[in-house]
Protein backbone atom coordinates (compact mmCIF):
# COMPACT_ATOMS: atom_id res chain seq x y z
CA MET A 1 39.41 -22.12 -69.37
CA GLU A 2 37.85 -23.29 -66.34
CA THR A 3 36.10 -20.72 -63.82
CA ALA A 4 37.16 -20.47 -60.41
CA TYR A 5 34.26 -20.25 -57.84
CA ILE A 6 34.62 -19.16 -54.34
CA CYS A 7 31.87 -21.74 -52.56
CA ASP A 8 32.17 -20.82 -48.76
CA ALA A 9 34.33 -18.62 -46.80
CA ILE A 10 34.70 -18.01 -43.05
CA ARG A 11 36.94 -16.04 -40.61
CA THR A 12 37.92 -16.38 -36.97
CA PRO A 13 37.23 -12.83 -35.03
CA ILE A 14 39.89 -10.61 -34.86
CA GLY A 15 42.04 -10.42 -31.76
CA ARG A 16 43.92 -7.55 -30.30
CA TYR A 17 47.51 -7.68 -29.50
CA GLY A 18 47.79 -10.04 -26.20
CA GLY A 19 44.18 -10.52 -26.49
CA THR A 20 41.77 -13.47 -26.40
CA LEU A 21 43.48 -15.23 -29.22
CA ALA A 22 46.73 -14.71 -28.09
CA ALA A 23 46.84 -17.91 -26.10
CA ILE A 24 46.14 -20.00 -29.14
CA ARG A 25 49.31 -21.22 -31.27
CA ALA A 26 49.41 -19.97 -34.74
CA ASP A 27 49.09 -23.31 -36.63
CA ASP A 28 46.34 -24.29 -34.42
CA LEU A 29 44.63 -20.76 -35.05
CA ALA A 30 45.03 -21.35 -38.71
CA ALA A 31 43.37 -24.78 -38.48
CA ILE A 32 40.09 -23.28 -36.63
CA PRO A 33 38.46 -21.91 -40.03
CA ILE A 34 39.57 -25.48 -42.08
CA SER A 35 37.73 -27.54 -39.37
CA VAL A 36 34.42 -25.30 -39.40
CA LEU A 37 34.48 -25.19 -43.52
CA MET A 38 34.79 -29.23 -43.32
CA LYS A 39 32.12 -29.40 -40.92
CA ARG A 40 29.61 -27.01 -42.41
CA ASN A 41 30.09 -29.09 -45.78
CA ALA A 42 29.72 -32.20 -44.92
CA SER A 43 28.91 -33.49 -48.70
CA VAL A 44 32.40 -32.42 -49.71
CA ASP A 45 34.77 -35.59 -49.81
CA TRP A 46 37.75 -33.63 -48.27
CA GLY A 47 40.30 -36.09 -49.52
CA ALA A 48 39.68 -35.02 -52.81
CA VAL A 49 41.19 -31.60 -52.08
CA ASP A 50 43.83 -30.65 -54.34
CA ASP A 51 45.63 -28.22 -52.06
CA VAL A 52 45.63 -25.82 -49.50
CA VAL A 53 47.43 -22.62 -50.14
CA TYR A 54 47.64 -20.39 -47.18
CA GLY A 55 49.26 -17.12 -46.39
CA CYS A 56 51.42 -15.83 -43.47
CA ALA A 57 53.64 -13.02 -43.46
CA ASN A 58 55.93 -13.79 -40.44
CA GLN A 59 56.96 -17.84 -40.45
CA SER A 60 59.57 -17.43 -37.74
CA GLY A 61 57.44 -18.82 -34.57
CA GLU A 62 54.63 -21.52 -34.26
CA ASP A 63 53.63 -20.69 -38.08
CA ASN A 64 57.32 -21.99 -39.22
CA ARG A 65 57.86 -24.90 -41.71
CA ASN A 66 55.00 -24.47 -43.96
CA VAL A 67 51.62 -23.44 -41.62
CA ALA A 68 49.67 -24.47 -44.28
CA ARG A 69 50.44 -28.35 -44.05
CA MET A 70 50.36 -28.23 -40.36
CA ALA A 71 47.09 -26.36 -40.33
CA LEU A 72 45.40 -28.96 -42.52
CA LEU A 73 46.84 -31.87 -40.57
CA LEU A 74 45.41 -30.11 -37.49
CA ALA A 75 42.34 -29.36 -39.11
CA GLY A 76 41.76 -32.95 -39.74
CA LEU A 77 42.00 -33.23 -43.40
CA PRO A 78 43.54 -36.22 -44.82
CA LYS A 79 47.30 -36.69 -44.77
CA GLU A 80 47.27 -37.06 -48.31
CA VAL A 81 46.00 -33.57 -49.10
CA SER A 82 49.08 -31.38 -49.62
CA GLY A 83 49.53 -27.76 -48.45
CA THR A 84 51.80 -24.81 -49.33
CA THR A 85 52.49 -21.05 -47.62
CA VAL A 86 52.51 -17.88 -49.73
CA ASN A 87 54.40 -15.14 -48.35
CA ARG A 88 53.52 -11.67 -49.84
CA LEU A 89 53.41 -10.23 -46.31
CA CYS A 90 50.60 -8.02 -45.99
CA GLY A 91 48.99 -9.28 -49.29
CA SER A 92 49.68 -13.24 -48.54
CA SER A 93 46.30 -14.43 -48.32
CA LEU A 94 45.06 -12.37 -51.16
CA ASP A 95 47.74 -14.14 -53.20
CA ALA A 96 46.67 -17.26 -51.70
CA VAL A 97 43.15 -17.02 -53.28
CA ALA A 98 44.71 -15.72 -56.17
CA THR A 99 46.72 -18.62 -56.60
CA ALA A 100 44.15 -20.95 -55.84
CA ALA A 101 41.78 -19.44 -58.49
CA ARG A 102 44.84 -19.42 -61.44
CA ALA A 103 45.33 -23.25 -60.57
CA ILE A 104 41.74 -23.94 -60.81
CA ARG A 105 41.49 -21.76 -64.07
CA SER A 106 44.51 -23.65 -65.56
CA GLY A 107 42.25 -27.21 -65.01
CA GLU A 108 45.19 -28.41 -63.17
CA VAL A 109 42.96 -28.52 -59.86
CA GLU A 110 39.54 -28.68 -59.26
CA LEU A 111 39.18 -28.22 -55.46
CA VAL A 112 41.34 -25.87 -53.03
CA ILE A 113 41.39 -24.46 -49.84
CA ALA A 114 42.98 -20.92 -49.77
CA GLY A 115 43.05 -18.32 -46.66
CA GLY A 116 45.57 -17.25 -44.28
CA VAL A 117 46.54 -16.70 -40.56
CA GLU A 118 48.71 -14.47 -38.39
CA SER A 119 49.50 -14.26 -34.92
CA MET A 120 51.19 -11.15 -34.17
CA SER A 121 50.77 -11.47 -30.47
CA ARG A 122 52.99 -14.86 -30.26
CA ALA A 123 55.75 -13.65 -32.88
CA PRO A 124 59.00 -14.56 -31.41
CA PHE A 125 62.12 -12.57 -30.84
CA VAL A 126 64.82 -14.36 -33.00
CA MET A 127 68.55 -14.05 -32.86
CA GLY A 128 71.13 -14.55 -35.30
CA LYS A 129 74.23 -16.71 -35.36
CA ALA A 130 77.37 -15.10 -33.97
CA ASP A 131 79.37 -12.96 -36.60
CA GLY A 132 83.13 -14.84 -35.96
CA ALA A 133 84.30 -17.49 -33.73
CA TYR A 134 84.12 -16.91 -30.23
CA SER A 135 81.79 -13.91 -30.64
CA ARG A 136 80.01 -12.64 -27.60
CA ALA A 137 77.62 -10.31 -29.54
CA MET A 138 74.05 -10.65 -29.53
CA LYS A 139 71.24 -9.11 -31.11
CA LEU A 140 67.58 -9.83 -30.84
CA GLU A 141 65.24 -9.20 -33.51
CA ASP A 142 61.39 -8.54 -33.01
CA THR A 143 59.48 -10.35 -35.30
CA THR A 144 55.99 -8.99 -35.10
CA MET A 145 56.16 -6.70 -37.88
CA GLY A 146 58.47 -4.76 -40.21
CA TRP A 147 62.66 -5.03 -40.87
CA ARG A 148 64.79 -7.30 -39.59
CA PHE A 149 68.05 -8.60 -40.31
CA ILE A 150 68.45 -5.86 -42.37
CA ASN A 151 70.70 -5.87 -45.66
CA PRO A 152 72.87 -2.77 -45.79
CA LEU A 153 72.83 -2.55 -49.39
CA MET A 154 68.92 -2.40 -49.03
CA LYS A 155 69.09 0.19 -46.84
CA ALA A 156 71.39 2.21 -48.91
CA LYS A 157 69.30 1.57 -51.85
CA TYR A 158 66.06 2.07 -51.05
CA GLY A 159 65.68 2.93 -47.10
CA VAL A 160 64.18 0.87 -44.29
CA ASP A 161 61.43 3.16 -43.06
CA THR A 162 59.00 1.52 -40.66
CA MET A 163 55.60 1.00 -41.77
CA PRO A 164 54.47 3.98 -39.38
CA GLU A 165 57.31 5.99 -41.44
CA THR A 166 55.89 5.10 -44.92
CA GLY A 167 52.38 6.28 -43.63
CA GLU A 168 53.93 9.70 -42.88
CA ILE A 169 55.88 9.71 -46.01
CA VAL A 170 52.99 9.31 -47.94
CA ALA A 171 50.83 11.83 -46.13
CA GLU A 172 53.45 14.40 -46.98
CA GLN A 173 54.14 13.40 -50.80
CA PHE A 174 50.07 13.32 -51.43
CA HIS A 175 49.17 16.13 -48.82
CA ILE A 176 47.12 14.19 -46.53
CA THR A 177 46.59 16.43 -43.65
CA ARG A 178 45.95 15.00 -39.89
CA LYS A 179 42.26 16.03 -40.12
CA ASP A 180 41.93 14.21 -43.38
CA GLN A 181 42.97 10.82 -41.48
CA ASP A 182 40.96 11.16 -38.31
CA VAL A 183 37.71 12.02 -40.28
CA LEU A 184 38.00 9.17 -42.24
CA PHE A 185 37.48 6.56 -40.00
CA SER A 186 35.67 7.08 -36.91
CA GLU A 187 32.13 -10.89 -31.69
CA ASP A 188 35.95 -8.59 -33.17
CA GLU A 189 38.02 -7.33 -30.07
CA HIS A 190 39.59 -4.16 -31.95
CA PRO A 191 36.74 -1.81 -32.52
CA ARG A 192 36.55 0.82 -30.17
CA PRO A 193 32.76 2.20 -30.74
CA ASP A 194 33.22 4.83 -27.99
CA THR A 195 36.17 7.03 -30.23
CA THR A 196 35.34 10.41 -30.76
CA MET A 197 36.89 12.98 -33.23
CA GLU A 198 37.78 14.96 -30.07
CA ALA A 199 39.42 11.75 -28.69
CA LEU A 200 41.35 11.20 -31.94
CA SER A 201 42.66 14.44 -32.19
CA LYS A 202 44.34 14.65 -28.76
CA LEU A 203 46.65 11.39 -29.75
CA LYS A 204 50.30 12.25 -30.21
CA PRO A 205 52.08 11.47 -33.42
CA VAL A 206 54.07 8.15 -33.29
CA VAL A 207 56.82 9.20 -36.03
CA LYS A 208 57.65 12.53 -35.42
CA PRO A 209 56.44 15.68 -33.13
CA ASP A 210 55.00 17.48 -36.12
CA GLY A 211 53.50 14.20 -37.74
CA THR A 212 50.12 12.87 -38.57
CA ILE A 213 50.26 9.20 -37.83
CA THR A 214 48.75 8.11 -34.61
CA ALA A 215 47.54 4.93 -33.06
CA GLY A 216 43.88 6.31 -34.08
CA ASN A 217 44.58 6.35 -37.85
CA ALA A 218 46.65 3.32 -38.37
CA SER A 219 45.57 -0.31 -38.09
CA GLY A 220 46.37 -2.88 -35.17
CA ILE A 221 48.48 -5.32 -34.34
CA ASN A 222 46.46 -8.47 -34.33
CA ASP A 223 45.63 -12.06 -34.45
CA GLY A 224 43.25 -13.99 -36.82
CA ALA A 225 42.66 -16.81 -39.44
CA CYS A 226 40.77 -16.78 -42.50
CA ALA A 227 39.71 -19.80 -44.84
CA LEU A 228 37.75 -20.24 -48.21
CA VAL A 229 36.61 -23.27 -50.25
CA LEU A 230 37.36 -22.55 -54.33
CA ALA A 231 35.97 -25.15 -56.92
CA SER A 232 35.69 -25.64 -60.35
CA GLU A 233 31.83 -25.91 -61.88
CA SER A 234 32.21 -29.47 -61.99
CA ALA A 235 33.98 -29.72 -58.41
CA ALA A 236 31.05 -27.78 -57.08
CA LYS A 237 28.59 -29.70 -58.41
CA ARG A 238 30.31 -33.29 -57.53
CA HIS A 239 30.70 -31.88 -53.85
CA GLY A 240 27.45 -30.47 -53.40
CA LEU A 241 28.85 -27.12 -53.05
CA THR A 242 27.01 -23.83 -53.97
CA PRO A 243 29.02 -21.13 -56.09
CA LYS A 244 28.85 -17.62 -54.29
CA ALA A 245 31.23 -15.69 -56.41
CA ARG A 246 33.62 -16.31 -58.93
CA VAL A 247 37.15 -14.87 -59.40
CA VAL A 248 37.56 -12.63 -62.25
CA ALA A 249 41.30 -11.36 -62.28
CA ALA A 250 43.85 -10.75 -59.56
CA ALA A 251 47.26 -8.43 -60.32
CA ALA A 252 50.35 -7.25 -58.18
CA ALA A 253 52.41 -4.23 -58.70
CA GLY A 254 55.21 -2.67 -57.51
CA VAL A 255 56.29 0.84 -55.96
CA ALA A 256 59.12 2.36 -54.05
CA PRO A 257 59.18 0.78 -50.85
CA ARG A 258 59.11 4.18 -48.92
CA ILE A 259 55.52 4.88 -50.21
CA MET A 260 54.10 1.33 -50.24
CA GLY A 261 50.97 2.52 -49.16
CA ILE A 262 50.35 3.80 -52.76
CA GLY A 263 50.64 0.27 -53.85
CA PRO A 264 46.68 -0.55 -54.47
CA VAL A 265 46.61 2.05 -56.92
CA PRO A 266 49.04 0.64 -59.80
CA ALA A 267 47.59 -2.99 -58.79
CA THR A 268 43.98 -1.90 -58.97
CA ARG A 269 44.75 -0.39 -62.49
CA LYS A 270 46.39 -3.44 -63.57
CA VAL A 271 43.50 -5.75 -62.51
CA LEU A 272 40.88 -3.47 -63.89
CA ALA A 273 42.81 -3.65 -67.55
CA LYS A 274 43.16 -7.30 -67.02
CA SER A 275 39.70 -7.89 -66.48
CA GLY A 276 38.36 -5.43 -68.99
CA LEU A 277 36.04 -3.58 -66.23
CA SER A 278 35.93 -0.32 -64.97
CA LEU A 279 35.98 1.19 -61.13
CA ALA A 280 32.42 2.55 -61.76
CA GLN A 281 31.14 -1.22 -62.04
CA MET A 282 32.40 -2.16 -58.35
CA ASP A 283 29.66 -2.28 -56.05
CA VAL A 284 32.12 -2.99 -53.34
CA ILE A 285 35.75 -2.02 -52.49
CA GLU A 286 37.46 -3.57 -49.90
CA LEU A 287 40.76 -1.38 -49.32
CA ASN A 288 42.83 -2.57 -46.52
CA GLU A 289 43.54 0.31 -44.67
CA ALA A 290 47.20 0.03 -43.33
CA PHE A 291 47.07 3.78 -42.51
CA ALA A 292 44.27 6.21 -43.02
CA SER A 293 47.14 8.65 -44.79
CA GLN A 294 47.60 5.78 -47.57
CA ALA A 295 43.62 5.04 -47.90
CA VAL A 296 42.85 8.55 -48.26
CA ALA A 297 45.90 8.90 -50.77
CA VAL A 298 44.87 5.77 -52.96
CA LEU A 299 41.12 6.93 -53.01
CA ARG A 300 41.97 10.41 -54.31
CA GLU A 301 44.66 8.86 -56.84
CA LEU A 302 41.56 6.56 -58.00
CA GLY A 303 39.36 9.18 -57.95
CA ILE A 304 36.84 7.69 -55.79
CA GLN A 305 34.98 9.83 -52.92
CA GLU A 306 36.67 9.45 -49.62
CA ASP A 307 33.28 8.99 -47.68
CA ALA A 308 31.94 6.70 -50.79
CA ALA A 309 29.57 4.15 -49.28
CA HIS A 310 30.70 1.21 -50.88
CA VAL A 311 34.35 1.66 -49.55
CA ASN A 312 34.65 -0.52 -46.30
CA PRO A 313 30.79 -0.40 -45.77
CA ASN A 314 31.40 -3.01 -42.96
CA GLY A 315 34.55 -1.34 -41.39
CA GLY A 316 38.22 -1.66 -42.52
CA ALA A 317 41.61 -2.74 -40.93
CA ILE A 318 41.96 0.42 -38.88
CA ALA A 319 38.40 -0.40 -37.13
CA LEU A 320 38.72 -4.49 -37.62
CA GLY A 321 42.19 -5.01 -37.18
CA HIS A 322 44.79 -6.41 -39.54
CA PRO A 323 46.23 -9.64 -39.02
CA LEU A 324 49.05 -9.47 -41.71
CA GLY A 325 48.57 -12.87 -43.44
CA ALA A 326 45.06 -13.08 -42.75
CA SER A 327 43.89 -9.73 -43.81
CA GLY A 328 43.52 -10.53 -47.84
CA ALA A 329 41.23 -13.50 -47.27
CA ARG A 330 39.73 -11.57 -44.73
CA LEU A 331 38.85 -8.81 -47.39
CA VAL A 332 37.73 -11.27 -49.90
CA THR A 333 35.30 -12.79 -47.26
CA THR A 334 34.03 -9.49 -46.55
CA ALA A 335 33.61 -8.59 -49.84
CA LEU A 336 31.77 -11.56 -50.90
CA TYR A 337 29.16 -11.48 -48.16
CA GLN A 338 28.58 -7.72 -48.69
CA LEU A 339 27.80 -8.75 -52.46
CA GLN A 340 25.51 -11.33 -51.31
CA ARG A 341 23.58 -8.40 -48.73
CA THR A 342 23.38 -5.90 -51.55
CA ASN A 343 22.79 -8.22 -54.77
CA GLY A 344 25.95 -6.26 -56.19
CA LYS A 345 27.59 -7.91 -58.85
CA TYR A 346 31.47 -6.91 -58.92
CA ALA A 347 33.76 -5.94 -56.04
CA LEU A 348 37.33 -4.97 -55.81
CA CYS A 349 39.62 -6.19 -52.75
CA THR A 350 43.00 -4.71 -52.65
CA MET A 351 45.88 -3.58 -50.53
CA CYS A 352 49.30 -2.08 -49.64
CA ILE A 353 52.15 -4.51 -49.23
CA GLY A 354 55.63 -3.93 -47.08
CA VAL A 355 58.78 -3.17 -49.38
CA GLY A 356 56.53 -1.74 -52.07
CA GLN A 357 54.01 -3.81 -53.72
CA GLY A 358 50.30 -3.60 -54.14
CA ILE A 359 47.82 -6.25 -54.91
CA ALA A 360 44.18 -6.47 -55.91
CA LEU A 361 41.32 -9.07 -56.91
CA ILE A 362 38.23 -8.84 -58.36
CA LEU A 363 34.94 -10.85 -57.76
CA GLU A 364 31.75 -11.42 -59.39
CA ARG A 365 28.61 -12.57 -57.31
CA VAL A 366 26.89 -15.66 -59.13
C-alpha cells in the first residue's frame, strides 16, 4: 500500500462575519490557497494533479456547482485537472483530506490537492418553490448555518435542535457548568485578546435565560479557506516536494443529532483502533471547539485534562473562528506545523458535525 504524505499546507486568515473576507466571493476565496501553493511549489507539474478535493458545508450560493472545480480553474490549474466537492458539514475538509489520502494509499492517484472553503458572510437566503399552483406563500431560509427545509419526519424522530441548543443539551447531559466553559478558553480577525473572565461571565445565555451557552464560549460565524498538497512517495520525489507528515488513518462515527458535539469521542476511539495507536501517543490534539460545553465533554469522556498543554496549543475555533467547510483542513494544517515546531511525532485532529457525527484523523511527522 502506498503512503499518503502531506507536502505543503496553507490557509487564509480567518475573517469575522461581515469582516475583511466578506467582500470576496466563496469560489474566489477557495482559489486563493491553491494559487499560493502553486507559486511556492514551482517545481511541480501542476498538470499532473489527479484531483482536487474540497470541503464546503453550504453550497447554496457562490459556492454552488462544485466549488472545488470552480476554485481550481480560478486558481490557474489546467482545465484537464478534475475537482470534486465533499459535504460532511463541519467535517467536510477533514473528510476531503482523508478522501485524498485514501485514494493515494489505494494507488489510484498520486498527487492531490485537498482542502476546504466557507464564506458564511456571503451565505444566501434561499426560497423553495410554491407548494401549489398560484400559491402566494413564500418562505425565506437563511443558509448561514443550521437547519433549513426541515423534513417533518426527521423532526419527529430526532428533533431539529439548533447548534447552540445542541451545545446546551451536551452541557446538561454531561454536567458541564458555565464556569467550566468560560474558564477553558480565555493576521486572524476573530480573536479578542482583551477578553477577561469578568467580561465572559457577564455575557447573556443565547438559548435560555438559565442556560450556559454564550457568544463567549461558542465558535464564531466566519470566512476562510485552506488547501494542502498530498502525494505518494514517488510523486513527491518526481515533483520536488518534501513530505512533512503522513496521514496514518481517518474515521467517522455517528451519534444522536441532539448531542452532535460528543461526536469526536467515538470517532477518536475508532481512528485509534484503526491505527493501533493510543491517546497517550498523541503529541498534539486539535479538537475543533464548536462550543466549550462539547469540547469539555469530549475531553472528559476521553480522559484528557481540560487544560492539557498539547490540546489546541495555538487556540481553537472559539478563539480563531470556525469557517465550517475549511475548519477540518485548518486543524490538519495547524497540527502539521505544530508537530514540526515541537518535533512531535503524532497528532490527532477531530471535530463534531451537525446532524450527529464526529470525524477524526491522525498524522505522523516524517
